[in-house]
Amino acid sequence: MEVAGKVHKIGNSETKGNYEKRELVVKTDEQYPQLISIEFGQGKCNEYIDKLSIGQNVTIGINLRGREWVNPQGESVYFNSINGWSVK
């Protein structure tokens, strides 16, 4: 899947243990623009994001990830994440 738009925000690198991640927010070019937060992990963090600037047009290759968590009351809660893997 891909998300296309302009770079809206470039986040700082965050490290938790051995895992490094970085957020990139892309504003889509539609009638009702959307701000899409995309997370890049490990080596992809700086490899792709350091070359970008605010307002730059990009197309981001993404994977959608979903998971379930059961809270202490036994109710299922669902979470989604958008992970980036390429930048054009």
PDB file of N, CA and C in Angstrom:
ATOM      1  N   MET A   1       0.841  -1.170   0.000  1.00  0.00           N
ATOM      2  CA  MET A   1       0.000   0.000   0.000  1.00  0.00           C
ATOM      3  C   MET A   1       0.890   1.239   0.000  1.00  0.00           C
ATOM      4  N   GLU A   2       0.319   2.343  -0.418  1.00  0.00           N
ATOM      5  CA  GLU A   2       1.072   3.594  -0.451  1.00  0.00           C
ATOM      6  C   GLU A   2       0.227   4.756   0.063  1.00  0.00           C
ATOM      7  N   VAL A   3       0.902   5.741   0.636  1.00  0.00           N
ATOM      8  CA  VAL A   3       0.294   7.005   1.039  1.00  0.00           C
ATOM      9  C   VAL A   3       1.071   8.100   0.326  1.00  0.00           C
ATOM     10  N   ALA A   4       0.351   8.993  -0.361  1.00  0.00           N
ATOM     11  CA  ALA A   4       1.001  10.084  -1.087  1.00  0.00           C
ATOM     12  C   ALA A   4       0.535  11.419  -0.521  1.00  0.00           C
ATOM     13  N   GLY A   5       1.450  12.374  -0.467  1.00  0.00           N
ATOM     14  CA  GLY A   5       1.117  13.703   0.012  1.00  0.00           C
ATOM     15  C   GLY A   5       2.370  14.508   0.263  1.00  0.00           C
ATOM     16  N   LYS A   6       2.230  15.532   1.131  1.00  0.00           N
ATOM     17  CA  LYS A   6       3.363  16.399   1.467  1.00  0.00           C
ATOM     18  C   LYS A   6       3.795  16.120   2.902  1.00  0.00           C
ATOM     19  N   VAL A   7       5.101  16.198   3.121  1.00  0.00           N
ATOM     20  CA  VAL A   7       5.628  16.020   4.472  1.00  0.00           C
ATOM     21  C   VAL A   7       5.110  17.165   5.342  1.00  0.00           C
ATOM     22  N   HIS A   8       4.427  16.821   6.428  1.00  0.00           N
ATOM     23  CA  HIS A   8       3.846  17.808   7.340  1.00  0.00           C
ATOM     24  C   HIS A   8       4.698  17.962   8.603  1.00  0.00           C
ATOM     25  N   LYS A   9       5.242  16.840   9.083  1.00  0.00           N
ATOM     26  CA  LYS A   9       6.045  16.856  10.312  1.00  0.00           C
ATOM     27  C   LYS A   9       7.079  15.742  10.249  1.00  0.00           C
ATOM     28  N   ILE A  10       8.274  16.038  10.731  1.00  0.00           N
ATOM     29  CA  ILE A  10       9.335  15.040  10.834  1.00  0.00           C
ATOM     30  C   ILE A  10       9.689  14.921  12.312  1.00  0.00           C
ATOM     31  N   GLY A  11       9.434  13.746  12.877  1.00  0.00           N
ATOM     32  CA  GLY A  11       9.699  13.536  14.300  1.00  0.00           C
ATOM     33  C   GLY A  11      11.155  13.211  14.582  1.00  0.00           C
ATOM     34  N   ASN A  12      11.505  13.297  15.854  1.00  0.00           N
ATOM     35  CA  ASN A  12      12.849  12.933  16.305  1.00  0.00           C
ATOM     36  C   ASN A  12      12.938  11.428  16.506  1.00  0.00           C
ATOM     37  N   SER A  13      14.131  10.904  16.453  1.00  0.00           N
ATOM     38  CA  SER A  13      14.369   9.491  16.723  1.00  0.00           C
ATOM     39  C   SER A  13      14.098   9.200  18.191  1.00  0.00           C
ATOM     40  N   GLU A  14      13.433   8.066  18.457  1.00  0.00           N
ATOM     41  CA  GLU A  14      13.199   7.603  19.823  1.00  0.00           C
ATOM     42  C   GLU A  14      13.784   6.207  19.937  1.00  0.00           C
ATOM     43  N   THR A  15      14.490   5.953  21.030  1.00  0.00           N
ATOM     44  CA  THR A  15      15.077   4.635  21.245  1.00  0.00           C
ATOM     45  C   THR A  15      14.520   4.048  22.531  1.00  0.00           C
ATOM     46  N   LYS A  16      14.026   2.805  22.432  1.00  0.00           N
ATOM     47  CA  LYS A  16      13.546   2.061  23.601  1.00  0.00           C
ATOM     48  C   LYS A  16      14.261   0.721  23.582  1.00  0.00           C
ATOM     49  N   GLY A  17      15.201   0.557  24.495  1.00  0.00           N
ATOM     50  CA  GLY A  17      16.009  -0.661  24.484  1.00  0.00           C
ATOM     51  C   GLY A  17      16.881  -0.668  23.245  1.00  0.00           C
ATOM     52  N   ASN A  18      16.752  -1.722  22.454  1.00  0.00           N
ATOM     53  CA  ASN A  18      17.520  -1.829  21.208  1.00  0.00           C
ATOM     54  C   ASN A  18      16.729  -1.371  19.996  1.00  0.00           C
ATOM     55  N   TYR A  19      15.483  -0.903  20.204  1.00  0.00           N
ATOM     56  CA  TYR A  19      14.618  -0.550  19.080  1.00  0.00           C
ATOM     57  C   TYR A  19      14.588   0.962  18.884  1.00  0.00           C
ATOM     58  N   GLU A  20      14.801   1.390  17.652  1.00  0.00           N
ATOM     59  CA  GLU A  20      14.749   2.810  17.309  1.00  0.00           C
ATOM     60  C   GLU A  20      13.576   3.041  16.367  1.00  0.00           C
ATOM     61  N   LYS A  21      12.822   4.130  16.603  1.00  0.00           N
ATOM     62  CA  LYS A  21      11.714   4.464  15.709  1.00  0.00           C
ATOM     63  C   LYS A  21      11.671   5.968  15.500  1.00  0.00           C
ATOM     64  N   ARG A  22      10.963   6.343  14.431  1.00  0.00           N
ATOM     65  CA  ARG A  22      10.835   7.754  14.085  1.00  0.00           C
ATOM     66  C   ARG A  22       9.517   7.953  13.355  1.00  0.00           C
ATOM     67  N   GLU A  23       8.816   9.049  13.673  1.00  0.00           N
ATOM     68  CA  GLU A  23       7.508   9.338  13.086  1.00  0.00           C
ATOM     69  C   GLU A  23       7.633  10.362  11.958  1.00  0.00           C
ATOM     70  N   LEU A  24       6.854  10.128  10.920  1.00  0.00           N
ATOM     71  CA  LEU A  24       6.733  11.059   9.802  1.00  0.00           C
ATOM     72  C   LEU A  24       5.240  11.278   9.586  1.00  0.00           C
ATOM     73  N   VAL A  25       4.805  12.538   9.509  1.00  0.00           N
ATOM     74  CA  VAL A  25       3.392  12.837   9.257  1.00  0.00           C
ATOM     75  C   VAL A  25       3.272  13.388   7.842  1.00  0.00           C
ATOM     76  N   VAL A  26       2.382  12.773   7.072  1.00  0.00           N
ATOM     77  CA  VAL A  26       2.144  13.166   5.686  1.00  0.00           C
ATOM     78  C   VAL A  26       0.722  13.716   5.578  1.00  0.00           C
ATOM     79  N   LYS A  27       0.576  14.869   4.912  1.00  0.00           N
ATOM     80  CA  LYS A  27      -0.747  15.460   4.664  1.00  0.00           C
ATOM     81  C   LYS A  27      -1.152  15.112   3.242  1.00  0.00           C
ATOM     82  N   THR A  28      -2.264  14.386   3.107  1.00  0.00           N
ATOM     83  CA  THR A  28      -2.711  13.956   1.785  1.00  0.00           C
ATOM     84  C   THR A  28      -3.283  15.137   1.008  1.00  0.00           C
ATOM     85  N   ASP A  29      -3.291  15.014  -0.308  1.00  0.00           N
ATOM     86  CA  ASP A  29      -3.789  16.066  -1.194  1.00  0.00           C
ATOM     87  C   ASP A  29      -5.144  15.622  -1.738  1.00  0.00           C
ATOM     88  N   GLU A  30      -6.191  15.862  -0.947  1.00  0.00           N
ATOM     89  CA  GLU A  30      -7.549  15.448  -1.307  1.00  0.00           C
ATOM     90  C   GLU A  30      -8.496  16.594  -0.987  1.00  0.00           C
ATOM     91  N   GLN A  31      -9.777  16.408  -1.304  1.00  0.00           N
ATOM     92  CA  GLN A  31     -10.763  17.424  -0.954  1.00  0.00           C
ATOM     93  C   GLN A  31     -10.766  17.651   0.559  1.00  0.00           C
ATOM     94  N   TYR A  32     -10.649  16.573   1.316  1.00  0.00           N
ATOM     95  CA  TYR A  32     -10.574  16.637   2.771  1.00  0.00           C
ATOM     96  C   TYR A  32      -9.229  16.034   3.189  1.00  0.00           C
ATOM     97  N   PRO A  33      -8.156  16.842   3.201  1.00  0.00           N
ATOM     98  CA  PRO A  33      -6.815  16.319   3.495  1.00  0.00           C
ATOM     99  C   PRO A  33      -6.760  15.608   4.845  1.00  0.00           C
ATOM    100  N   GLN A  34      -5.989  14.543   4.883  1.00  0.00           N
ATOM    101  CA  GLN A  34      -5.799  13.759   6.095  1.00  0.00           C
ATOM    102  C   GLN A  34      -4.345  13.858   6.530  1.00  0.00           C
ATOM    103  N   LEU A  35      -4.116  13.902   7.828  1.00  0.00           N
ATOM    104  CA  LEU A  35      -2.767  13.873   8.383  1.00  0.00           C
ATOM    105  C   LEU A  35      -2.504  12.442   8.834  1.00  0.00           C
ATOM    106  N   ILE A  36      -1.614  11.760   8.137  1.00  0.00           N
ATOM    107  CA  ILE A  36      -1.334  10.351   8.377  1.00  0.00           C
ATOM    108  C   ILE A  36       0.020  10.219   9.068  1.00  0.00           C
ATOM    109  N   SER A  37       0.019   9.637  10.268  1.00  0.00           N
ATOM    110  CA  SER A  37       1.251   9.401  11.017  1.00  0.00           C
ATOM    111  C   SER A  37       1.809   8.037  10.635  1.00  0.00           C
ATOM    112  N   ILE A  38       3.051   8.024  10.170  1.00  0.00           N
ATOM    113  CA  ILE A  38       3.700   6.793   9.708  1.00  0.00           C
ATOM    114  C   ILE A  38       4.962   6.588  10.530  1.00  0.00           C
ATOM    115  N   GLU A  39       5.126   5.377  11.052  1.00  0.00           N
ATOM    116  CA  GLU A  39       6.295   5.061  11.879  1.00  0.00           C
ATOM    117  C   GLU A  39       7.319   4.275  11.075  1.00  0.00           C
ATOM    118  N   PHE A  40       8.557   4.714  11.164  1.00  0.00           N
ATOM    119  CA  PHE A  40       9.675   3.989  10.558  1.00  0.00           C
ATOM    120  C   PHE A  40      10.495   3.403  11.689  1.00  0.00           C
ATOM    121  N   GLY A  41      10.914   2.156  11.541  1.00  0.00           N
ATOM    122  CA  GLY A  41      11.676   1.506  12.599  1.00  0.00           C
ATOM    123  C   GLY A  41      13.059   1.096  12.153  1.00  0.00           C
ATOM    124  N   GLN A  42      13.924   0.942  13.162  1.00  0.00           N
ATOM    125  CA  GLN A  42      15.304   0.490  13.006  1.00  0.00           C
ATOM    126  C   GLN A  42      16.065   1.255  11.928  1.00  0.00           C
ATOM    127  N   GLY A  43      16.741   0.582  11.013  1.00  0.00           N
ATOM    128  CA  GLY A  43      17.605   1.218  10.025  1.00  0.00           C
ATOM    129  C   GLY A  43      16.891   2.169   9.088  1.00  0.00           C
ATOM    130  N   LYS A  44      15.592   1.989   8.895  1.00  0.00           N
ATOM    131  CA  LYS A  44      14.836   2.832   7.971  1.00  0.00           C
ATOM    132  C   LYS A  44      14.609   4.235   8.536  1.00  0.00           C
ATOM    133  N   CYS A  45      14.722   4.388   9.853  1.00  0.00           N
ATOM    134  CA  CYS A  45      14.464   5.683  10.495  1.00  0.00           C
ATOM    135  C   CYS A  45      15.202   6.818   9.820  1.00  0.00           C
ATOM    136  N   ASN A  46      16.490   6.752   9.902  1.00  0.00           N
ATOM    137  CA  ASN A  46      17.302   7.865   9.423  1.00  0.00           C
ATOM    138  C   ASN A  46      17.642   7.745   7.953  1.00  0.00           C
ATOM    139  N   GLU A  47      17.707   6.518   7.460  1.00  0.00           N
ATOM    140  CA  GLU A  47      18.043   6.282   6.047  1.00  0.00           C
ATOM    141  C   GLU A  47      17.109   7.054   5.124  1.00  0.00           C
ATOM    142  N   TYR A  48      15.818   7.023   5.396  1.00  0.00           N
ATOM    143  CA  TYR A  48      14.837   7.686   4.535  1.00  0.00           C
ATOM    144  C   TYR A  48      14.486   9.090   5.017  1.00  0.00           C
ATOM    145  N   ILE A  49      14.268   9.249   6.292  1.00  0.00           N
ATOM    146  CA  ILE A  49      13.687  10.486   6.808  1.00  0.00           C
ATOM    147  C   ILE A  49      14.669  11.658   6.802  1.00  0.00           C
ATOM    148  N   ASP A  50      15.946  11.407   7.029  1.00  0.00           N
ATOM    149  CA  ASP A  50      16.924  12.503   7.049  1.00  0.00           C
ATOM    150  C   ASP A  50      16.991  13.265   5.729  1.00  0.00           C
ATOM    151  N   LYS A  51      16.596  12.632   4.641  1.00  0.00           N
ATOM    152  CA  LYS A  51      16.672  13.261   3.314  1.00  0.00           C
ATOM    153  C   LYS A  51      15.450  14.127   2.999  1.00  0.00           C
ATOM    154  N   LEU A  52      14.455  14.121   3.885  1.00  0.00           N
ATOM    155  CA  LEU A  52      13.193  14.812   3.609  1.00  0.00           C
ATOM    156  C   LEU A  52      13.154  16.202   4.229  1.00  0.00           C
ATOM    157  N   SER A  53      12.248  17.049   3.688  1.00  0.00           N
ATOM    158  CA  SER A  53      12.020  18.370   4.264  1.00  0.00           C
ATOM    159  C   SER A  53      10.522  18.652   4.281  1.00  0.00           C
ATOM    160  N   ILE A  54      10.108  19.533   5.178  1.00  0.00           N
ATOM    161  CA  ILE A  54       8.700  19.900   5.312  1.00  0.00           C
ATOM    162  C   ILE A  54       8.202  20.458   3.982  1.00  0.00           C
ATOM    163  N   GLY A  55       7.009  20.013   3.558  1.00  0.00           N
ATOM    164  CA  GLY A  55       6.407  20.483   2.312  1.00  0.00           C
ATOM    165  C   GLY A  55       6.782  19.675   1.086  1.00  0.00           C
ATOM    166  N   GLN A  56       7.737  18.776   1.228  1.00  0.00           N
ATOM    167  CA  GLN A  56       8.185  17.950   0.097  1.00  0.00           C
ATOM    168  C   GLN A  56       7.115  16.917  -0.261  1.00  0.00           C
ATOM    169  N   ASN A  57       6.863  16.736  -1.566  1.00  0.00           N
ATOM    170  CA  ASN A  57       5.938  15.698  -2.030  1.00  0.00           C
ATOM    171  C   ASN A  57       6.604  14.333  -1.907  1.00  0.00           C
ATOM    172  N   VAL A  58       5.869  13.371  -1.337  1.00  0.00           N
ATOM    173  CA  VAL A  58       6.401  12.024  -1.141  1.00  0.00           C
ATOM    174  C   VAL A  58       5.321  10.980  -1.403  1.00  0.00           C
ATOM    175  N   THR A  59       5.769   9.784  -1.703  1.00  0.00           N
ATOM    176  CA  THR A  59       4.916   8.601  -1.732  1.00  0.00           C
ATOM    177  C   THR A  59       5.594   7.590  -0.818  1.00  0.00           C
ATOM    178  N   ILE A  60       4.876   7.164   0.205  1.00  0.00           N
ATOM    179  CA  ILE A  60       5.431   6.279   1.225  1.00  0.00           C
ATOM    180  C   ILE A  60       4.844   4.881   1.057  1.00  0.00           C
ATOM    181  N   GLY A  61       5.707   3.878   0.952  1.00  0.00           N
ATOM    182  CA  GLY A  61       5.267   2.488   0.970  1.00  0.00           C
ATOM    183  C   GLY A  61       4.984   2.110   2.411  1.00  0.00           C
ATOM    184  N   ILE A  62       3.790   1.570   2.678  1.00  0.00           N
ATOM    185  CA  ILE A  62       3.393   1.279   4.062  1.00  0.00           C
ATOM    186  C   ILE A  62       2.857  -0.138   4.213  1.00  0.00           C
ATOM    187  N   ASN A  63       2.883  -0.596   5.437  1.00  0.00           N
ATOM    188  CA  ASN A  63       2.184  -1.807   5.859  1.00  0.00           C
ATOM    189  C   ASN A  63       1.252  -1.408   6.989  1.00  0.00           C
ATOM    190  N   LEU A  64       0.019  -1.897   6.948  1.00  0.00           N
ATOM    191  CA  LEU A  64      -0.922  -1.694   8.048  1.00  0.00           C
ATOM    192  C   LEU A  64      -0.794  -2.881   8.982  1.00  0.00           C
ATOM    193  N   ARG A  65      -0.691  -2.608  10.264  1.00  0.00           N
ATOM    194  CA  ARG A  65      -0.583  -3.666  11.267  1.00  0.00           C
ATOM    195  C   ARG A  65      -1.732  -3.499  12.257  1.00  0.00           C
ATOM    196  N   GLY A  66      -2.324  -4.603  12.654  1.00  0.00           N
ATOM    197  CA  GLY A  66      -3.404  -4.581  13.634  1.00  0.00           C
ATOM    198  C   GLY A  66      -3.165  -5.639  14.691  1.00  0.00           C
ATOM    199  N   ARG A  67      -3.586  -5.345  15.909  1.00  0.00           N
ATOM    200  CA  ARG A  67      -3.426  -6.326  16.976  1.00  0.00           C
ATOM    201  C   ARG A  67      -4.551  -6.170  17.996  1.00  0.00           C
ATOM    202  N   GLU A  68      -4.734  -7.220  18.753  1.00  0.00           N
ATOM    203  CA  GLU A  68      -5.767  -7.259  19.781  1.00  0.00           C
ATOM    204  C   GLU A  68      -5.103  -7.309  21.149  1.00  0.00           C
ATOM    205  N   TRP A  69      -5.694  -6.619  22.103  1.00  0.00           N
ATOM    206  CA  TRP A  69      -5.254  -6.684  23.492  1.00  0.00           C
ATOM    207  C   TRP A  69      -6.497  -6.914  24.332  1.00  0.00           C
ATOM    208  N   VAL A  70      -6.427  -7.822  25.274  1.00  0.00           N
ATOM    209  CA  VAL A  70      -7.549  -8.090  26.167  1.00  0.00           C
ATOM    210  C   VAL A  70      -7.237  -7.416  27.494  1.00  0.00           C
ATOM    211  N   ASN A  71      -8.104  -6.471  27.888  1.00  0.00           N
ATOM    212  CA  ASN A  71      -7.866  -5.719  29.121  1.00  0.00           C
ATOM    213  C   ASN A  71      -8.214  -6.582  30.346  1.00  0.00           C
ATOM    214  N   PRO A  72      -7.917  -6.093  31.554  1.00  0.00           N
ATOM    215  CA  PRO A  72      -8.179  -6.885  32.763  1.00  0.00           C
ATOM    216  C   PRO A  72      -9.652  -7.262  32.960  1.00  0.00           C
ATOM    217  N   GLN A  73     -10.558  -6.521  32.339  1.00  0.00           N
ATOM    218  CA  GLN A  73     -11.984  -6.840  32.435  1.00  0.00           C
ATOM    219  C   GLN A  73     -12.397  -7.898  31.415  1.00  0.00           C
ATOM    220  N   GLY A  74     -11.452  -8.356  30.612  1.00  0.00           N
ATOM    221  CA  GLY A  74     -11.735  -9.387  29.613  1.00  0.00           C
ATOM    222  C   GLY A  74     -12.273  -8.847  28.297  1.00  0.00           C
ATOM    223  N   GLU A  75     -12.252  -7.527  28.125  1.00  0.00           N
ATOM    224  CA  GLU A  75     -12.746  -6.913  26.889  1.00  0.00           C
ATOM    225  C   GLU A  75     -11.617  -6.780  25.878  1.00  0.00           C
ATOM    226  N   SER A  76     -11.926  -7.054  24.631  1.00  0.00           N
ATOM    227  CA  SER A  76     -10.933  -6.919  23.562  1.00  0.00           C
ATOM    228  C   SER A  76     -10.847  -5.474  23.097  1.00  0.00           C
ATOM    229  N   VAL A  77      -9.617  -4.998  22.958  1.00  0.00           N
ATOM    230  CA  VAL A  77      -9.345  -3.663  22.438  1.00  0.00           C
ATOM    231  C   VAL A  77      -8.419  -3.854  21.241  1.00  0.00           C
ATOM    232  N   TYR A  78      -8.674  -3.104  20.171  1.00  0.00           N
ATOM    233  CA  TYR A  78      -7.909  -3.281  18.939  1.00  0.00           C
ATOM    234  C   TYR A  78      -7.082  -2.036  18.648  1.00  0.00           C
ATOM    235  N   PHE A  79      -5.855  -2.260  18.187  1.00  0.00           N
ATOM    236  CA  PHE A  79      -4.927  -1.187  17.860  1.00  0.00           C
ATOM    237  C   PHE A  79      -4.431  -1.366  16.437  1.00  0.00           C
ATOM    238  N   ASN A  80      -4.222  -0.253  15.751  1.00  0.00           N
ATOM    239  CA  ASN A  80      -3.653  -0.268  14.402  1.00  0.00           C
ATOM    240  C   ASN A  80      -2.393   0.579  14.385  1.00  0.00           C
ATOM    241  N   SER A  81      -1.462   0.211  13.527  1.00  0.00           N
ATOM    242  CA  SER A  81      -0.281   1.037  13.314  1.00  0.00           C
ATOM    243  C   SER A  81       0.042   1.042  11.827  1.00  0.00           C
ATOM    244  N   ILE A  82       0.675   2.105  11.394  1.00  0.00           N
ATOM    245  CA  ILE A  82       1.085   2.252   9.998  1.00  0.00           C
ATOM    246  C   ILE A  82       2.604   2.322   9.992  1.00  0.00           C
ATOM    247  N   ASN A  83       3.224   1.324   9.376  1.00  0.00           N
ATOM    248  CA  ASN A  83       4.684   1.240   9.335  1.00  0.00           C
ATOM    249  C   ASN A  83       5.189   1.525   7.930  1.00  0.00           C
ATOM    250  N   GLY A  84       6.126   2.457   7.820  1.00  0.00           N
ATOM    251  CA  GLY A  84       6.717   2.799   6.529  1.00  0.00           C
ATOM    252  C   GLY A  84       7.898   1.916   6.199  1.00  0.00           C
ATOM    253  N   TRP A  85       8.056   1.634   4.905  1.00  0.00           N
ATOM    254  CA  TRP A  85       9.196   0.806   4.475  1.00  0.00           C
ATOM    255  C   TRP A  85       9.901   1.365   3.247  1.00  0.00           C
ATOM    256  N   SER A  86       9.340   2.385   2.602  1.00  0.00           N
ATOM    257  CA  SER A  86      10.033   3.026   1.477  1.00  0.00           C
ATOM    258  C   SER A  86       9.535   4.457   1.305  1.00  0.00           C
ATOM    259  N   VAL A  87      10.375   5.285   0.688  1.00  0.00           N
ATOM    260  CA  VAL A  87      10.019   6.680   0.406  1.00  0.00           C
ATOM    261  C   VAL A  87      10.441   6.989  -1.018  1.00  0.00           C
ATOM    262  N   LYS A  88       9.497   7.549  -1.791  1.00  0.00           N
ATOM    263  CA  LYS A  88       9.805   7.965  -3.172  1.00  0.00           C
ATOM    264  C   LYS A  88       9.538   9.457  -3.283  1.00  0.00           C
TER     265      LYS A  88
END
